[in-house]
Amino acid sequence: MQTEILKRSIVIARHKTSVSLEDNFWNGLKEIADARDQSISGLVTTIKMAHEQGNLSSAIRQFVLAYYRERPLIGAVAGRPGTSQPAREGASVASA
């Protein structure tokens, strides 16, 4: 499956730059920003500050991937419905 890489302009710390990401990563970045009540520019600025060296597009991809990898675990720990963790060996299952 081939995905299109989209180049978008973004303002980071009052400087305009362009970032190339696949559409799925742009969508994920927007969802994360919305969930945090942040602008995409604000979130990308935070990501850039945490990853001062290296490619910004790669840092964003790593951030989005880490967010979605950790999300099911956060939901399971918080007891949110619709999330699950595999049962540990020897763990008992309580019935409601």
PDB file of N, CA and C in Angstrom:
ATOM      1  N   MET A   1       0.843  -1.174   0.000  1.00  0.00           N
ATOM      2  CA  MET A   1       0.000   0.000   0.000  1.00  0.00           C
ATOM      3  C   MET A   1       0.889   1.238   0.000  1.00  0.00           C
ATOM      4  N   GLN A   2       0.673   2.105  -0.918  1.00  0.00           N
ATOM      5  CA  GLN A   2       1.464   3.314  -1.036  1.00  0.00           C
ATOM      6  C   GLN A   2       0.662   4.492  -0.502  1.00  0.00           C
ATOM      7  N   THR A   3       1.279   5.301   0.374  1.00  0.00           N
ATOM      8  CA  THR A   3       0.598   6.464   0.912  1.00  0.00           C
ATOM      9  C   THR A   3       1.267   7.731   0.411  1.00  0.00           C
ATOM     10  N   GLU A   4       0.466   8.740   0.264  1.00  0.00           N
ATOM     11  CA  GLU A   4       0.963  10.022  -0.227  1.00  0.00           C
ATOM     12  C   GLU A   4       1.525  10.835   0.928  1.00  0.00           C
ATOM     13  N   ILE A   5       2.665  11.433   0.701  1.00  0.00           N
ATOM     14  CA  ILE A   5       3.273  12.310   1.695  1.00  0.00           C
ATOM     15  C   ILE A   5       2.844  13.736   1.376  1.00  0.00           C
ATOM     16  N   LEU A   6       2.279  14.392   2.381  1.00  0.00           N
ATOM     17  CA  LEU A   6       1.785  15.744   2.206  1.00  0.00           C
ATOM     18  C   LEU A   6       2.713  16.727   2.896  1.00  0.00           C
ATOM     19  N   LYS A   7       3.033  17.796   2.213  1.00  0.00           N
ATOM     20  CA  LYS A   7       3.887  18.841   2.769  1.00  0.00           C
ATOM     21  C   LYS A   7       2.986  19.998   3.176  1.00  0.00           C
ATOM     22  N   ARG A   8       3.075  20.373   4.462  1.00  0.00           N
ATOM     23  CA  ARG A   8       2.249  21.469   4.968  1.00  0.00           C
ATOM     24  C   ARG A   8       3.118  22.490   5.680  1.00  0.00           C
ATOM     25  N   SER A   9       2.684  23.719   5.610  1.00  0.00           N
ATOM     26  CA  SER A   9       3.380  24.795   6.318  1.00  0.00           C
ATOM     27  C   SER A   9       2.837  24.879   7.731  1.00  0.00           C
ATOM     28  N   ILE A  10       3.735  25.152   8.659  1.00  0.00           N
ATOM     29  CA  ILE A  10       3.366  25.258  10.061  1.00  0.00           C
ATOM     30  C   ILE A  10       4.240  26.319  10.708  1.00  0.00           C
ATOM     31  N   VAL A  11       3.709  27.007  11.698  1.00  0.00           N
ATOM     32  CA  VAL A  11       4.467  28.027  12.411  1.00  0.00           C
ATOM     33  C   VAL A  11       4.933  27.433  13.734  1.00  0.00           C
ATOM     34  N   ILE A  12       6.255  27.466  13.941  1.00  0.00           N
ATOM     35  CA  ILE A  12       6.850  26.959  15.173  1.00  0.00           C
ATOM     36  C   ILE A  12       7.655  28.099  15.778  1.00  0.00           C
ATOM     37  N   ALA A  13       7.262  28.515  16.973  1.00  0.00           N
ATOM     38  CA  ALA A  13       7.939  29.612  17.659  1.00  0.00           C
ATOM     39  C   ALA A  13       8.082  30.832  16.753  1.00  0.00           C
ATOM     40  N   ARG A  14       6.981  31.193  16.110  1.00  0.00           N
ATOM     41  CA  ARG A  14       6.893  32.365  15.225  1.00  0.00           C
ATOM     42  C   ARG A  14       7.727  32.265  13.957  1.00  0.00           C
ATOM     43  N   HIS A  15       8.166  31.055  13.616  1.00  0.00           N
ATOM     44  CA  HIS A  15       8.902  30.843  12.368  1.00  0.00           C
ATOM     45  C   HIS A  15       8.133  29.849  11.513  1.00  0.00           C
ATOM     46  N   LYS A  16       7.910  30.219  10.261  1.00  0.00           N
ATOM     47  CA  LYS A  16       7.187  29.353   9.347  1.00  0.00           C
ATOM     48  C   LYS A  16       8.144  28.310   8.777  1.00  0.00           C
ATOM     49  N   THR A  17       7.719  27.064   8.808  1.00  0.00           N
ATOM     50  CA  THR A  17       8.504  25.973   8.235  1.00  0.00           C
ATOM     51  C   THR A  17       7.544  25.004   7.566  1.00  0.00           C
ATOM     52  N   SER A  18       8.063  24.088   6.802  1.00  0.00           N
ATOM     53  CA  SER A  18       7.201  23.075   6.187  1.00  0.00           C
ATOM     54  C   SER A  18       7.603  21.697   6.702  1.00  0.00           C
ATOM     55  N   VAL A  19       6.584  20.863   6.839  1.00  0.00           N
ATOM     56  CA  VAL A  19       6.777  19.511   7.354  1.00  0.00           C
ATOM     57  C   VAL A  19       6.100  18.546   6.389  1.00  0.00           C
ATOM     58  N   SER A  20       6.804  17.475   6.050  1.00  0.00           N
ATOM     59  CA  SER A  20       6.256  16.447   5.160  1.00  0.00           C
ATOM     60  C   SER A  20       5.900  15.212   5.980  1.00  0.00           C
ATOM     61  N   LEU A  21       4.614  14.851   5.941  1.00  0.00           N
ATOM     62  CA  LEU A  21       4.120  13.674   6.661  1.00  0.00           C
ATOM     63  C   LEU A  21       3.046  12.982   5.827  1.00  0.00           C
ATOM     64  N   GLU A  22       2.889  11.702   6.070  1.00  0.00           N
ATOM     65  CA  GLU A  22       1.792  10.959   5.470  1.00  0.00           C
ATOM     66  C   GLU A  22       0.483  11.466   6.082  1.00  0.00           C
ATOM     67  N   ASP A  23      -0.591  11.362   5.318  1.00  0.00           N
ATOM     68  CA  ASP A  23      -1.895  11.866   5.747  1.00  0.00           C
ATOM     69  C   ASP A  23      -2.324  11.261   7.088  1.00  0.00           C
ATOM     70  N   ASN A  24      -2.057   9.966   7.305  1.00  0.00           N
ATOM     71  CA  ASN A  24      -2.439   9.344   8.570  1.00  0.00           C
ATOM     72  C   ASN A  24      -1.745   9.991   9.761  1.00  0.00           C
ATOM     73  N   PHE A  25      -0.500  10.399   9.584  1.00  0.00           N
ATOM     74  CA  PHE A  25       0.207  11.063  10.677  1.00  0.00           C
ATOM     75  C   PHE A  25      -0.338  12.475  10.903  1.00  0.00           C
ATOM     76  N   TRP A  26      -0.705  13.185   9.826  1.00  0.00           N
ATOM     77  CA  TRP A  26      -1.335  14.498  10.005  1.00  0.00           C
ATOM     78  C   TRP A  26      -2.644  14.349  10.768  1.00  0.00           C
ATOM     79  N   ASN A  27      -3.437  13.341  10.402  1.00  0.00           N
ATOM     80  CA  ASN A  27      -4.716  13.110  11.087  1.00  0.00           C
ATOM     81  C   ASN A  27      -4.491  12.776  12.560  1.00  0.00           C
ATOM     82  N   GLY A  28      -3.521  11.908  12.835  1.00  0.00           N
ATOM     83  CA  GLY A  28      -3.208  11.545  14.213  1.00  0.00           C
ATOM     84  C   GLY A  28      -2.732  12.746  15.014  1.00  0.00           C
ATOM     85  N   LEU A  29      -1.902  13.566  14.404  1.00  0.00           N
ATOM     86  CA  LEU A  29      -1.397  14.764  15.070  1.00  0.00           C
ATOM     87  C   LEU A  29      -2.548  15.703  15.417  1.00  0.00           C
ATOM     88  N   LYS A  30      -3.488  15.863  14.499  1.00  0.00           N
ATOM     89  CA  LYS A  30      -4.648  16.719  14.757  1.00  0.00           C
ATOM     90  C   LYS A  30      -5.507  16.156  15.880  1.00  0.00           C
ATOM     91  N   GLU A  31      -5.727  14.844  15.903  1.00  0.00           N
ATOM     92  CA  GLU A  31      -6.512  14.215  16.976  1.00  0.00           C
ATOM     93  C   GLU A  31      -5.857  14.437  18.339  1.00  0.00           C
ATOM     94  N   ILE A  32      -4.542  14.276  18.395  1.00  0.00           N
ATOM     95  CA  ILE A  32      -3.814  14.464  19.653  1.00  0.00           C
ATOM     96  C   ILE A  32      -3.907  15.917  20.097  1.00  0.00           C
ATOM     97  N   ALA A  33      -3.709  16.841  19.173  1.00  0.00           N
ATOM     98  CA  ALA A  33      -3.807  18.275  19.507  1.00  0.00           C
ATOM     99  C   ALA A  33      -5.204  18.602  20.027  1.00  0.00           C
ATOM    100  N   ASP A  34      -6.228  18.084  19.365  1.00  0.00           N
ATOM    101  CA  ASP A  34      -7.609  18.317  19.811  1.00  0.00           C
ATOM    102  C   ASP A  34      -7.835  17.747  21.208  1.00  0.00           C
ATOM    103  N   ALA A  35      -7.331  16.544  21.451  1.00  0.00           N
ATOM    104  CA  ALA A  35      -7.504  15.899  22.763  1.00  0.00           C
ATOM    105  C   ALA A  35      -6.814  16.685  23.869  1.00  0.00           C
ATOM    106  N   ARG A  36      -5.765  17.399  23.526  1.00  0.00           N
ATOM    107  CA  ARG A  36      -5.010  18.191  24.508  1.00  0.00           C
ATOM    108  C   ARG A  36      -5.424  19.658  24.507  1.00  0.00           C
ATOM    109  N   ASP A  37      -6.439  20.003  23.734  1.00  0.00           N
ATOM    110  CA  ASP A  37      -6.868  21.391  23.578  1.00  0.00           C
ATOM    111  C   ASP A  37      -5.705  22.301  23.193  1.00  0.00           C
ATOM    112  N   GLN A  38      -4.910  21.820  22.227  1.00  0.00           N
ATOM    113  CA  GLN A  38      -3.767  22.568  21.719  1.00  0.00           C
ATOM    114  C   GLN A  38      -3.930  22.766  20.227  1.00  0.00           C
ATOM    115  N   SER A  39      -3.257  23.774  19.723  1.00  0.00           N
ATOM    116  CA  SER A  39      -3.178  23.922  18.273  1.00  0.00           C
ATOM    117  C   SER A  39      -2.130  22.930  17.765  1.00  0.00           C
ATOM    118  N   ILE A  40      -2.178  22.628  16.490  1.00  0.00           N
ATOM    119  CA  ILE A  40      -1.158  21.756  15.905  1.00  0.00           C
ATOM    120  C   ILE A  40       0.203  22.434  16.025  1.00  0.00           C
ATOM    121  N   SER A  41       0.261  23.727  15.794  1.00  0.00           N
ATOM    122  CA  SER A  41       1.531  24.451  15.931  1.00  0.00           C
ATOM    123  C   SER A  41       2.085  24.343  17.346  1.00  0.00           C
ATOM    124  N   GLY A  42       1.220  24.490  18.342  1.00  0.00           N
ATOM    125  CA  GLY A  42       1.656  24.373  19.729  1.00  0.00           C
ATOM    126  C   GLY A  42       2.182  22.991  20.052  1.00  0.00           C
ATOM    127  N   LEU A  43       1.491  21.962  19.551  1.00  0.00           N
ATOM    128  CA  LEU A  43       1.925  20.590  19.796  1.00  0.00           C
ATOM    129  C   LEU A  43       3.244  20.300  19.096  1.00  0.00           C
ATOM    130  N   VAL A  44       3.378  20.745  17.859  1.00  0.00           N
ATOM    131  CA  VAL A  44       4.620  20.518  17.121  1.00  0.00           C
ATOM    132  C   VAL A  44       5.781  21.271  17.781  1.00  0.00           C
ATOM    133  N   THR A  45       5.512  22.447  18.321  1.00  0.00           N
ATOM    134  CA  THR A  45       6.550  23.174  19.049  1.00  0.00           C
ATOM    135  C   THR A  45       7.017  22.364  20.250  1.00  0.00           C
ATOM    136  N   THR A  46       6.089  21.757  20.972  1.00  0.00           N
ATOM    137  CA  THR A  46       6.432  20.900  22.120  1.00  0.00           C
ATOM    138  C   THR A  46       7.268  19.712  21.668  1.00  0.00           C
ATOM    139  N   ILE A  47       6.881  19.088  20.569  1.00  0.00           N
ATOM    140  CA  ILE A  47       7.623  17.936  20.036  1.00  0.00           C
ATOM    141  C   ILE A  47       9.029  18.367  19.632  1.00  0.00           C
ATOM    142  N   LYS A  48       9.130  19.502  18.961  1.00  0.00           N
ATOM    143  CA  LYS A  48      10.434  19.996  18.508  1.00  0.00           C
ATOM    144  C   LYS A  48      11.348  20.290  19.693  1.00  0.00           C
ATOM    145  N   MET A  49      10.811  20.865  20.751  1.00  0.00           N
ATOM    146  CA  MET A  49      11.620  21.181  21.932  1.00  0.00           C
ATOM    147  C   MET A  49      12.134  19.910  22.607  1.00  0.00           C
ATOM    148  N   ALA A  50      11.336  18.857  22.576  1.00  0.00           N
ATOM    149  CA  ALA A  50      11.741  17.591  23.196  1.00  0.00           C
ATOM    150  C   ALA A  50      12.758  16.842  22.341  1.00  0.00           C
ATOM    151  N   HIS A  51      12.753  17.069  21.049  1.00  0.00           N
ATOM    152  CA  HIS A  51      13.659  16.396  20.117  1.00  0.00           C
ATOM    153  C   HIS A  51      14.445  17.458  19.351  1.00  0.00           C
ATOM    154  N   GLU A  52      15.341  18.124  20.030  1.00  0.00           N
ATOM    155  CA  GLU A  52      16.044  19.254  19.433  1.00  0.00           C
ATOM    156  C   GLU A  52      16.909  18.866  18.247  1.00  0.00           C
ATOM    157  N   GLN A  53      17.413  17.652  18.214  1.00  0.00           N
ATOM    158  CA  GLN A  53      18.251  17.233  17.099  1.00  0.00           C
ATOM    159  C   GLN A  53      17.477  16.255  16.230  1.00  0.00           C
ATOM    160  N   GLY A  54      17.820  16.239  14.964  1.00  0.00           N
ATOM    161  CA  GLY A  54      17.198  15.282  14.062  1.00  0.00           C
ATOM    162  C   GLY A  54      16.091  15.903  13.241  1.00  0.00           C
ATOM    163  N   ASN A  55      15.485  15.081  12.446  1.00  0.00           N
ATOM    164  CA  ASN A  55      14.459  15.478  11.501  1.00  0.00           C
ATOM    165  C   ASN A  55      13.125  15.691  12.208  1.00  0.00           C
ATOM    166  N   LEU A  56      12.492  16.835  12.009  1.00  0.00           N
ATOM    167  CA  LEU A  56      11.223  17.139  12.663  1.00  0.00           C
ATOM    168  C   LEU A  56      10.121  16.182  12.228  1.00  0.00           C
ATOM    169  N   SER A  57      10.065  15.845  10.946  1.00  0.00           N
ATOM    170  CA  SER A  57       9.045  14.903  10.476  1.00  0.00           C
ATOM    171  C   SER A  57       9.173  13.561  11.192  1.00  0.00           C
ATOM    172  N   SER A  58      10.395  13.091  11.363  1.00  0.00           N
ATOM    173  CA  SER A  58      10.618  11.823  12.076  1.00  0.00           C
ATOM    174  C   SER A  58      10.207  11.939  13.536  1.00  0.00           C
ATOM    175  N   ALA A  59      10.520  13.061  14.161  1.00  0.00           N
ATOM    176  CA  ALA A  59      10.144  13.270  15.567  1.00  0.00           C
ATOM    177  C   ALA A  59       8.625  13.258  15.726  1.00  0.00           C
ATOM    178  N   ILE A  60       7.912  13.862  14.780  1.00  0.00           N
ATOM    179  CA  ILE A  60       6.451  13.874  14.834  1.00  0.00           C
ATOM    180  C   ILE A  60       5.906  12.462  14.659  1.00  0.00           C
ATOM    181  N   ARG A  61       6.442  11.713  13.689  1.00  0.00           N
ATOM    182  CA  ARG A  61       5.997  10.332  13.483  1.00  0.00           C
ATOM    183  C   ARG A  61       6.202   9.496  14.749  1.00  0.00           C
ATOM    184  N   GLN A  62       7.366   9.630  15.372  1.00  0.00           N
ATOM    185  CA  GLN A  62       7.662   8.877  16.600  1.00  0.00           C
ATOM    186  C   GLN A  62       6.698   9.276  17.714  1.00  0.00           C
ATOM    187  N   PHE A  63       6.405  10.559  17.841  1.00  0.00           N
ATOM    188  CA  PHE A  63       5.484  11.045  18.863  1.00  0.00           C
ATOM    189  C   PHE A  63       4.082  10.472  18.660  1.00  0.00           C
ATOM    190  N   VAL A  64       3.582  10.550  17.425  1.00  0.00           N
ATOM    191  CA  VAL A  64       2.235  10.043  17.124  1.00  0.00           C
ATOM    192  C   VAL A  64       2.170   8.534  17.363  1.00  0.00           C
ATOM    193  N   LEU A  65       3.175   7.814  16.903  1.00  0.00           N
ATOM    194  CA  LEU A  65       3.208   6.364  17.105  1.00  0.00           C
ATOM    195  C   LEU A  65       3.221   6.018  18.590  1.00  0.00           C
ATOM    196  N   ALA A  66       4.055   6.697  19.366  1.00  0.00           N
ATOM    197  CA  ALA A  66       4.133   6.439  20.808  1.00  0.00           C
ATOM    198  C   ALA A  66       2.798   6.744  21.484  1.00  0.00           C
ATOM    199  N   TYR A  67       2.148   7.818  21.076  1.00  0.00           N
ATOM    200  CA  TYR A  67       0.850   8.184  21.655  1.00  0.00           C
ATOM    201  C   TYR A  67      -0.178   7.073  21.447  1.00  0.00           C
ATOM    202  N   TYR A  68      -0.284   6.567  20.232  1.00  0.00           N
ATOM    203  CA  TYR A  68      -1.287   5.547  19.951  1.00  0.00           C
ATOM    204  C   TYR A  68      -0.897   4.174  20.491  1.00  0.00           C
ATOM    205  N   ARG A  69       0.378   3.911  20.652  1.00  0.00           N
ATOM    206  CA  ARG A  69       0.807   2.655  21.277  1.00  0.00           C
ATOM    207  C   ARG A  69       0.484   2.656  22.762  1.00  0.00           C
ATOM    208  N   GLU A  70       0.637   3.793  23.431  1.00  0.00           N
ATOM    209  CA  GLU A  70       0.403   3.902  24.862  1.00  0.00           C
ATOM    210  C   GLU A  70      -1.065   4.078  25.198  1.00  0.00           C
ATOM    211  N   ARG A  71      -1.845   4.573  24.282  1.00  0.00           N
ATOM    212  CA  ARG A  71      -3.253   4.876  24.553  1.00  0.00           C
ATOM    213  C   ARG A  71      -4.059   3.700  25.073  1.00  0.00           C
ATOM    214  N   PRO A  72      -3.997   2.514  24.479  1.00  0.00           N
ATOM    215  CA  PRO A  72      -4.773   1.404  25.030  1.00  0.00           C
ATOM    216  C   PRO A  72      -4.360   1.072  26.468  1.00  0.00           C
ATOM    217  N   LEU A  73      -3.082   1.179  26.787  1.00  0.00           N
ATOM    218  CA  LEU A  73      -2.621   0.898  28.138  1.00  0.00           C
ATOM    219  C   LEU A  73      -3.148   1.933  29.115  1.00  0.00           C
ATOM    220  N   ILE A  74      -3.179   3.186  28.710  1.00  0.00           N
ATOM    221  CA  ILE A  74      -3.706   4.239  29.571  1.00  0.00           C
ATOM    222  C   ILE A  74      -5.179   3.988  29.848  1.00  0.00           C
ATOM    223  N   GLY A  75      -5.935   3.624  28.822  1.00  0.00           N
ATOM    224  CA  GLY A  75      -7.358   3.339  29.001  1.00  0.00           C
ATOM    225  C   GLY A  75      -7.591   2.155  29.913  1.00  0.00           C
ATOM    226  N   ALA A  76      -6.786   1.118  29.784  1.00  0.00           N
ATOM    227  CA  ALA A  76      -6.951  -0.072  30.612  1.00  0.00           C
ATOM    228  C   ALA A  76      -6.634   0.239  32.065  1.00  0.00           C
ATOM    229  N   VAL A  77      -5.611   1.035  32.288  1.00  0.00           N
ATOM    230  CA  VAL A  77      -5.239   1.400  33.655  1.00  0.00           C
ATOM    231  C   VAL A  77      -6.327   2.259  34.276  1.00  0.00           C
ATOM    232  N   ALA A  78      -6.899   3.156  33.507  1.00  0.00           N
ATOM    233  CA  ALA A  78      -7.930   4.047  34.023  1.00  0.00           C
ATOM    234  C   ALA A  78      -9.286   3.360  34.111  1.00  0.00           C
ATOM    235  N   GLY A  79      -9.386   2.135  33.610  1.00  0.00           N
ATOM    236  CA  GLY A  79     -10.637   1.395  33.653  1.00  0.00           C
ATOM    237  C   GLY A  79     -11.671   1.879  32.668  1.00  0.00           C
ATOM    238  N   ARG A  80     -11.214   2.449  31.558  1.00  0.00           N
ATOM    239  CA  ARG A  80     -12.150   2.929  30.555  1.00  0.00           C
ATOM    240  C   ARG A  80     -12.728   1.750  29.780  1.00  0.00           C
ATOM    241  N   PRO A  81     -14.016   1.812  29.486  1.00  0.00           N
ATOM    242  CA  PRO A  81     -14.612   0.730  28.689  1.00  0.00           C
ATOM    243  C   PRO A  81     -14.034   0.700  27.278  1.00  0.00           C
ATOM    244  N   GLY A  82     -14.038  -0.468  26.697  1.00  0.00           N
ATOM    245  CA  GLY A  82     -13.566  -0.621  25.327  1.00  0.00           C
ATOM    246  C   GLY A  82     -12.085  -0.857  25.220  1.00  0.00           C
ATOM    247  N   THR A  83     -11.416  -0.959  26.349  1.00  0.00           N
ATOM    248  CA  THR A  83      -9.992  -1.239  26.326  1.00  0.00           C
ATOM    249  C   THR A  83      -9.767  -2.553  27.043  1.00  0.00           C
ATOM    250  N   SER A  84      -8.726  -3.209  26.676  1.00  0.00           N
ATOM    251  CA  SER A  84      -8.441  -4.475  27.339  1.00  0.00           C
ATOM    252  C   SER A  84      -6.956  -4.725  27.363  1.00  0.00           C
ATOM    253  N   GLN A  85      -6.544  -5.515  28.328  1.00  0.00           N
ATOM    254  CA  GLN A  85      -5.179  -5.982  28.420  1.00  0.00           C
ATOM    255  C   GLN A  85      -5.248  -7.491  28.473  1.00  0.00           C
ATOM    256  N   PRO A  86      -4.254  -8.166  27.936  1.00  0.00           N
ATOM    257  CA  PRO A  86      -4.267  -9.614  28.033  1.00  0.00           C
ATOM    258  C   PRO A  86      -4.186 -10.041  29.495  1.00  0.00           C
ATOM    259  N   ALA A  87      -4.880 -11.105  29.810  1.00  0.00           N
ATOM    260  CA  ALA A  87      -4.850 -11.623  31.176  1.00  0.00           C
ATOM    261  C   ALA A  87      -3.465 -12.182  31.486  1.00  0.00           C
ATOM    262  N   ARG A  88      -3.000 -11.916  32.692  1.00  0.00           N
ATOM    263  CA  ARG A  88      -1.715 -12.451  33.097  1.00  0.00           C
ATOM    264  C   ARG A  88      -1.881 -13.899  33.501  1.00  0.00           C
ATOM    265  N   GLU A  89      -0.848 -14.652  33.273  1.00  0.00           N
ATOM    266  CA  GLU A  89      -0.862 -16.064  33.617  1.00  0.00           C
ATOM    267  C   GLU A  89      -1.123 -16.216  35.105  1.00  0.00           C
ATOM    268  N   GLY A  90      -2.078 -17.043  35.454  1.00  0.00           N
ATOM    269  CA  GLY A  90      -2.393 -17.310  36.846  1.00  0.00           C
ATOM    270  C   GLY A  90      -3.342 -16.299  37.455  1.00  0.00           C
ATOM    271  N   ALA A  91      -3.771 -15.305  36.691  1.00  0.00           N
ATOM    272  CA  ALA A  91      -4.689 -14.286  37.232  1.00  0.00           C
ATOM    273  C   ALA A  91      -6.093 -14.836  37.214  1.00  0.00           C
ATOM    274  N   SER A  92      -6.838 -14.529  38.257  1.00  0.00           N
ATOM    275  CA  SER A  92      -8.230 -14.995  38.316  1.00  0.00           C
ATOM    276  C   SER A  92      -9.133 -13.951  37.698  1.00  0.00           C
ATOM    277  N   VAL A  93     -10.272 -14.389  37.199  1.00  0.00           N
ATOM    278  CA  VAL A  93     -11.236 -13.502  36.584  1.00  0.00           C
ATOM    279  C   VAL A  93     -12.425 -13.424  37.517  1.00  0.00           C
ATOM    280  N   ALA A  94     -12.740 -12.233  37.985  1.00  0.00           N
ATOM    281  CA  ALA A  94     -13.869 -12.044  38.898  1.00  0.00           C
ATOM    282  C   ALA A  94     -15.127 -11.832  38.080  1.00  0.00           C
ATOM    283  N   SER A  95     -16.210 -12.424  38.534  1.00  0.00           N
ATOM    284  CA  SER A  95     -17.482 -12.225  37.820  1.00  0.00           C
ATOM    285  C   SER A  95     -18.277 -11.143  38.509  1.00  0.00           C
ATOM    286  N   ALA A  96     -19.019 -10.404  37.717  1.00  0.00           N
ATOM    287  CA  ALA A  96     -19.794  -9.271  38.272  1.00  0.00           C
ATOM    288  C   ALA A  96     -21.121  -9.721  38.777  1.00  0.00           C
TER     289      ALA A  96
END
